[in-house]
Amino acid sequence: MDYGCSLVEAARRLQVDQATVLMAMQRGAIPTRYQNGRPVVTSNALAEYKARSRR
Protein backbone atom coordinates (compact mmCIF):
# COMPACT_ATOMS: atom_id res chain seq x y z
CA MET A 1 0.00 0.00 0.00
CA ASP A 2 1.36 3.40 -1.01
CA TYR A 3 1.10 5.85 1.87
CA GLY A 4 2.58 8.67 -0.19
CA CYS A 5 5.25 11.19 0.58
CA SER A 6 5.53 14.76 1.78
CA LEU A 7 6.16 17.85 -0.33
CA VAL A 8 9.84 17.77 0.70
CA GLU A 9 10.21 14.09 -0.24
CA ALA A 10 8.40 14.65 -3.55
CA ALA A 11 10.81 17.47 -4.42
CA ARG A 12 13.78 15.26 -3.56
CA ARG A 13 12.47 12.38 -5.69
CA LEU A 14 11.82 14.68 -8.65
CA GLN A 15 15.12 16.51 -8.11
CA VAL A 16 13.45 19.91 -8.20
CA ASP A 17 12.87 22.74 -5.76
CA GLN A 18 10.04 22.48 -3.23
CA ALA A 19 8.45 25.59 -4.77
CA THR A 20 8.23 23.80 -8.13
CA VAL A 21 6.37 20.89 -6.56
CA LEU A 22 4.08 23.23 -4.62
CA MET A 23 3.16 25.18 -7.77
CA ALA A 24 2.47 21.93 -9.65
CA MET A 25 0.26 20.76 -6.78
CA GLN A 26 -1.64 24.05 -6.76
CA ARG A 27 -2.17 23.87 -10.56
CA GLY A 28 -3.47 20.33 -10.18
CA ALA A 29 -0.61 18.85 -12.22
CA ILE A 30 0.28 16.59 -9.28
CA PRO A 31 -2.79 15.05 -7.61
CA THR A 32 -2.64 15.57 -3.87
CA ARG A 33 -4.58 14.30 -0.90
CA TYR A 34 -4.42 15.66 2.61
CA GLN A 35 -3.61 13.63 5.67
CA ASN A 36 -3.73 15.34 9.07
CA GLY A 37 -3.84 18.68 7.26
CA ARG A 38 -0.67 18.08 5.26
CA PRO A 39 -0.38 17.42 1.55
CA VAL A 40 0.56 13.86 0.59
CA VAL A 41 1.59 12.79 -2.91
CA THR A 42 1.44 9.16 -4.01
CA SER A 43 4.31 7.49 -5.85
CA ASN A 44 2.02 6.91 -8.85
CA ALA A 45 1.19 10.62 -9.03
CA LEU A 46 4.91 11.46 -8.99
CA ALA A 47 5.70 8.92 -11.70
CA GLU A 48 2.91 10.25 -13.93
CA TYR A 49 4.00 13.87 -13.42
CA LYS A 50 7.63 12.94 -14.15
CA ALA A 51 6.61 11.18 -17.39
CA ARG A 52 4.48 14.14 -18.52
CA SER A 53 7.10 16.76 -17.68
CA ARG A 54 9.88 15.00 -19.63
CA ARG A 55 8.09 15.08 -22.98
PDB file of N, CA and C in Angstrom:
ATOM      1  N   MET A   1       0.838  -1.182   0.000  1.00  0.00           N
ATOM      2  CA  MET A   1       0.000   0.000   0.000  1.00  0.00           C
ATOM      3  C   MET A   1       0.880   1.242   0.000  1.00  0.00           C
ATOM      4  N   ASP A   2       0.571   2.180  -0.874  1.00  0.00           N
ATOM      5  CA  ASP A   2       1.358   3.396  -1.014  1.00  0.00           C
ATOM      6  C   ASP A   2       0.794   4.474  -0.089  1.00  0.00           C
ATOM      7  N   TYR A   3       1.553   4.827   0.929  1.00  0.00           N
ATOM      8  CA  TYR A   3       1.097   5.845   1.868  1.00  0.00           C
ATOM      9  C   TYR A   3       1.396   7.252   1.377  1.00  0.00           C
ATOM     10  N   GLY A   4       2.258   7.368   0.370  1.00  0.00           N
ATOM     11  CA  GLY A   4       2.576   8.667  -0.189  1.00  0.00           C
ATOM     12  C   GLY A   4       3.788   9.294   0.474  1.00  0.00           C
ATOM     13  N   CYS A   5       4.104  10.488   0.029  1.00  0.00           N
ATOM     14  CA  CYS A   5       5.248  11.190   0.581  1.00  0.00           C
ATOM     15  C   CYS A   5       4.917  12.666   0.744  1.00  0.00           C
ATOM     16  N   SER A   6       5.730  13.349   1.498  1.00  0.00           N
ATOM     17  CA  SER A   6       5.529  14.761   1.776  1.00  0.00           C
ATOM     18  C   SER A   6       5.992  15.616   0.599  1.00  0.00           C
ATOM     19  N   LEU A   7       5.714  16.885   0.675  1.00  0.00           N
ATOM     20  CA  LEU A   7       6.157  17.848  -0.328  1.00  0.00           C
ATOM     21  C   LEU A   7       7.683  17.824  -0.449  1.00  0.00           C
ATOM     22  N   VAL A   8       8.368  17.784   0.682  1.00  0.00           N
ATOM     23  CA  VAL A   8       9.836  17.768   0.699  1.00  0.00           C
ATOM     24  C   VAL A   8      10.364  16.506   0.020  1.00  0.00           C
ATOM     25  N   GLU A   9       9.783  15.361   0.356  1.00  0.00           N
ATOM     26  CA  GLU A   9      10.207  14.091  -0.240  1.00  0.00           C
ATOM     27  C   GLU A   9       9.899  14.060  -1.732  1.00  0.00           C
ATOM     28  N   ALA A  10       8.760  14.604  -2.130  1.00  0.00           N
ATOM     29  CA  ALA A  10       8.403  14.651  -3.553  1.00  0.00           C
ATOM     30  C   ALA A  10       9.415  15.483  -4.324  1.00  0.00           C
ATOM     31  N   ALA A  11       9.814  16.613  -3.771  1.00  0.00           N
ATOM     32  CA  ALA A  11      10.809  17.467  -4.422  1.00  0.00           C
ATOM     33  C   ALA A  11      12.143  16.735  -4.552  1.00  0.00           C
ATOM     34  N   ARG A  12      12.523  16.011  -3.516  1.00  0.00           N
ATOM     35  CA  ARG A  12      13.777  15.259  -3.559  1.00  0.00           C
ATOM     36  C   ARG A  12      13.726  14.177  -4.629  1.00  0.00           C
ATOM     37  N   ARG A  13      12.602  13.457  -4.693  1.00  0.00           N
ATOM     38  CA  ARG A  13      12.471  12.382  -5.685  1.00  0.00           C
ATOM     39  C   ARG A  13      12.467  12.910  -7.114  1.00  0.00           C
ATOM     40  N   LEU A  14      11.874  14.088  -7.312  1.00  0.00           N
ATOM     41  CA  LEU A  14      11.821  14.678  -8.652  1.00  0.00           C
ATOM     42  C   LEU A  14      13.067  15.497  -8.976  1.00  0.00           C
ATOM     43  N   GLN A  15      13.900  15.713  -7.980  1.00  0.00           N
ATOM     44  CA  GLN A  15      15.123  16.505  -8.107  1.00  0.00           C
ATOM     45  C   GLN A  15      14.815  17.924  -8.573  1.00  0.00           C
ATOM     46  N   VAL A  16      13.822  18.526  -7.930  1.00  0.00           N
ATOM     47  CA  VAL A  16      13.445  19.908  -8.199  1.00  0.00           C
ATOM     48  C   VAL A  16      13.275  20.625  -6.864  1.00  0.00           C
ATOM     49  N   ASP A  17      13.085  21.929  -6.944  1.00  0.00           N
ATOM     50  CA  ASP A  17      12.868  22.741  -5.758  1.00  0.00           C
ATOM     51  C   ASP A  17      11.486  22.477  -5.176  1.00  0.00           C
ATOM     52  N   GLN A  18      11.329  22.679  -3.880  1.00  0.00           N
ATOM     53  CA  GLN A  18      10.036  22.485  -3.229  1.00  0.00           C
ATOM     54  C   GLN A  18       8.982  23.419  -3.815  1.00  0.00           C
ATOM     55  N   ALA A  19       9.385  24.626  -4.193  1.00  0.00           N
ATOM     56  CA  ALA A  19       8.448  25.591  -4.769  1.00  0.00           C
ATOM     57  C   ALA A  19       7.876  25.073  -6.089  1.00  0.00           C
ATOM     58  N   THR A  20       8.684  24.369  -6.862  1.00  0.00           N
ATOM     59  CA  THR A  20       8.230  23.802  -8.134  1.00  0.00           C
ATOM     60  C   THR A  20       7.143  22.760  -7.890  1.00  0.00           C
ATOM     61  N   VAL A  21       7.362  21.920  -6.897  1.00  0.00           N
ATOM     62  CA  VAL A  21       6.374  20.892  -6.563  1.00  0.00           C
ATOM     63  C   VAL A  21       5.102  21.547  -6.036  1.00  0.00           C
ATOM     64  N   LEU A  22       5.241  22.544  -5.180  1.00  0.00           N
ATOM     65  CA  LEU A  22       4.083  23.228  -4.619  1.00  0.00           C
ATOM     66  C   LEU A  22       3.247  23.882  -5.713  1.00  0.00           C
ATOM     67  N   MET A  23       3.897  24.544  -6.661  1.00  0.00           N
ATOM     68  CA  MET A  23       3.161  25.177  -7.769  1.00  0.00           C
ATOM     69  C   MET A  23       2.445  24.130  -8.614  1.00  0.00           C
ATOM     70  N   ALA A  24       3.097  22.999  -8.872  1.00  0.00           N
ATOM     71  CA  ALA A  24       2.468  21.926  -9.646  1.00  0.00           C
ATOM     72  C   ALA A  24       1.265  21.357  -8.896  1.00  0.00           C
ATOM     73  N   MET A  25       1.372  21.249  -7.595  1.00  0.00           N
ATOM     74  CA  MET A  25       0.257  20.757  -6.784  1.00  0.00           C
ATOM     75  C   MET A  25      -0.906  21.750  -6.828  1.00  0.00           C
ATOM     76  N   GLN A  26      -0.601  23.024  -6.741  1.00  0.00           N
ATOM     77  CA  GLN A  26      -1.643  24.054  -6.760  1.00  0.00           C
ATOM     78  C   GLN A  26      -2.337  24.123  -8.117  1.00  0.00           C
ATOM     79  N   ARG A  27      -1.592  23.885  -9.206  1.00  0.00           N
ATOM     80  CA  ARG A  27      -2.170  23.869 -10.557  1.00  0.00           C
ATOM     81  C   ARG A  27      -2.998  22.616 -10.794  1.00  0.00           C
ATOM     82  N   GLY A  28      -2.773  21.591  -9.993  1.00  0.00           N
ATOM     83  CA  GLY A  28      -3.466  20.327 -10.180  1.00  0.00           C
ATOM     84  C   GLY A  28      -2.691  19.364 -11.057  1.00  0.00           C
ATOM     85  N   ALA A  29      -1.450  19.713 -11.387  1.00  0.00           N
ATOM     86  CA  ALA A  29      -0.613  18.848 -12.218  1.00  0.00           C
ATOM     87  C   ALA A  29      -0.165  17.607 -11.449  1.00  0.00           C
ATOM     88  N   ILE A  30      -0.054  17.729 -10.132  1.00  0.00           N
ATOM     89  CA  ILE A  30       0.275  16.592  -9.277  1.00  0.00           C
ATOM     90  C   ILE A  30      -0.909  16.394  -8.336  1.00  0.00           C
ATOM     91  N   PRO A  31      -1.662  15.312  -8.508  1.00  0.00           N
ATOM     92  CA  PRO A  31      -2.794  15.053  -7.611  1.00  0.00           C
ATOM     93  C   PRO A  31      -2.313  14.904  -6.164  1.00  0.00           C
ATOM     94  N   THR A  32      -3.032  15.538  -5.267  1.00  0.00           N
ATOM     95  CA  THR A  32      -2.638  15.571  -3.867  1.00  0.00           C
ATOM     96  C   THR A  32      -3.820  15.230  -2.976  1.00  0.00           C
ATOM     97  N   ARG A  33      -3.555  14.511  -1.915  1.00  0.00           N
ATOM     98  CA  ARG A  33      -4.577  14.301  -0.902  1.00  0.00           C
ATOM     99  C   ARG A  33      -4.004  14.831   0.404  1.00  0.00           C
ATOM    100  N   TYR A  34      -4.867  15.103   1.341  1.00  0.00           N
ATOM    101  CA  TYR A  34      -4.417  15.660   2.612  1.00  0.00           C
ATOM    102  C   TYR A  34      -4.612  14.654   3.722  1.00  0.00           C
ATOM    103  N   GLN A  35      -3.590  14.532   4.542  1.00  0.00           N
ATOM    104  CA  GLN A  35      -3.614  13.627   5.673  1.00  0.00           C
ATOM    105  C   GLN A  35      -3.154  14.428   6.890  1.00  0.00           C
ATOM    106  N   ASN A  36      -4.022  14.533   7.872  1.00  0.00           N
ATOM    107  CA  ASN A  36      -3.733  15.336   9.070  1.00  0.00           C
ATOM    108  C   ASN A  36      -3.388  16.777   8.703  1.00  0.00           C
ATOM    109  N   GLY A  37      -4.041  17.307   7.668  1.00  0.00           N
ATOM    110  CA  GLY A  37      -3.840  18.683   7.262  1.00  0.00           C
ATOM    111  C   GLY A  37      -2.608  18.945   6.426  1.00  0.00           C
ATOM    112  N   ARG A  38      -1.890  17.909   6.061  1.00  0.00           N
ATOM    113  CA  ARG A  38      -0.665  18.080   5.264  1.00  0.00           C
ATOM    114  C   ARG A  38      -0.822  17.400   3.912  1.00  0.00           C
ATOM    115  N   PRO A  39      -0.268  18.030   2.873  1.00  0.00           N
ATOM    116  CA  PRO A  39      -0.379  17.421   1.547  1.00  0.00           C
ATOM    117  C   PRO A  39       0.460  16.157   1.438  1.00  0.00           C
ATOM    118  N   VAL A  40      -0.129  15.135   0.806  1.00  0.00           N
ATOM    119  CA  VAL A  40       0.555  13.863   0.590  1.00  0.00           C
ATOM    120  C   VAL A  40       0.430  13.514  -0.889  1.00  0.00           C
ATOM    121  N   VAL A  41       1.548  13.139  -1.494  1.00  0.00           N
ATOM    122  CA  VAL A  41       1.592  12.795  -2.914  1.00  0.00           C
ATOM    123  C   VAL A  41       1.923  11.320  -3.034  1.00  0.00           C
ATOM    124  N   THR A  42       1.149  10.577  -3.830  1.00  0.00           N
ATOM    125  CA  THR A  42       1.438   9.158  -4.011  1.00  0.00           C
ATOM    126  C   THR A  42       2.580   8.958  -5.004  1.00  0.00           C
ATOM    127  N   SER A  43       3.210   7.818  -4.934  1.00  0.00           N
ATOM    128  CA  SER A  43       4.309   7.494  -5.854  1.00  0.00           C
ATOM    129  C   SER A  43       3.812   7.458  -7.299  1.00  0.00           C
ATOM    130  N   ASN A  44       2.589   6.956  -7.498  1.00  0.00           N
ATOM    131  CA  ASN A  44       2.022   6.907  -8.847  1.00  0.00           C
ATOM    132  C   ASN A  44       1.844   8.309  -9.413  1.00  0.00           C
ATOM    133  N   ALA A  45       1.376   9.237  -8.584  1.00  0.00           N
ATOM    134  CA  ALA A  45       1.193  10.623  -9.029  1.00  0.00           C
ATOM    135  C   ALA A  45       2.531  11.235  -9.419  1.00  0.00           C
ATOM    136  N   LEU A  46       3.575  10.944  -8.658  1.00  0.00           N
ATOM    137  CA  LEU A  46       4.908  11.460  -8.987  1.00  0.00           C
ATOM    138  C   LEU A  46       5.423  10.877 -10.298  1.00  0.00           C
ATOM    139  N   ALA A  47       5.238   9.574 -10.482  1.00  0.00           N
ATOM    140  CA  ALA A  47       5.703   8.921 -11.704  1.00  0.00           C
ATOM    141  C   ALA A  47       4.980   9.483 -12.930  1.00  0.00           C
ATOM    142  N   GLU A  48       3.675   9.694 -12.819  1.00  0.00           N
ATOM    143  CA  GLU A  48       2.909  10.249 -13.930  1.00  0.00           C
ATOM    144  C   GLU A  48       3.349  11.681 -14.236  1.00  0.00           C
ATOM    145  N   TYR A  49       3.566  12.482 -13.221  1.00  0.00           N
ATOM    146  CA  TYR A  49       4.004  13.869 -13.425  1.00  0.00           C
ATOM    147  C   TYR A  49       5.388  13.882 -14.075  1.00  0.00           C
ATOM    148  N   LYS A  50       6.263  13.010 -13.606  1.00  0.00           N
ATOM    149  CA  LYS A  50       7.628  12.939 -14.151  1.00  0.00           C
ATOM    150  C   LYS A  50       7.582  12.564 -15.634  1.00  0.00           C
ATOM    151  N   ALA A  51       6.727  11.605 -15.984  1.00  0.00           N
ATOM    152  CA  ALA A  51       6.606  11.184 -17.386  1.00  0.00           C
ATOM    153  C   ALA A  51       6.060  12.308 -18.252  1.00  0.00           C
ATOM    154  N   ARG A  52       5.060  13.030 -17.750  1.00  0.00           N
ATOM    155  CA  ARG A  52       4.480  14.139 -18.516  1.00  0.00           C
ATOM    156  C   ARG A  52       5.449  15.301 -18.673  1.00  0.00           C
ATOM    157  N   SER A  53       6.223  15.581 -17.658  1.00  0.00           N
ATOM    158  CA  SER A  53       7.105  16.758 -17.684  1.00  0.00           C
ATOM    159  C   SER A  53       8.363  16.536 -18.510  1.00  0.00           C
ATOM    160  N   ARG A  54       8.659  15.294 -18.847  1.00  0.00           N
ATOM    161  CA  ARG A  54       9.883  15.004 -19.625  1.00  0.00           C
ATOM    162  C   ARG A  54       9.618  14.923 -21.122  1.00  0.00           C
ATOM    163  N   ARG A  55       8.405  15.161 -21.550  1.00  0.00           N
ATOM    164  CA  ARG A  55       8.090  15.080 -22.981  1.00  0.00           C
ATOM    165  C   ARG A  55       8.595  16.281 -23.712  1.00  0.00           C
TER     166      ARG A  55
END
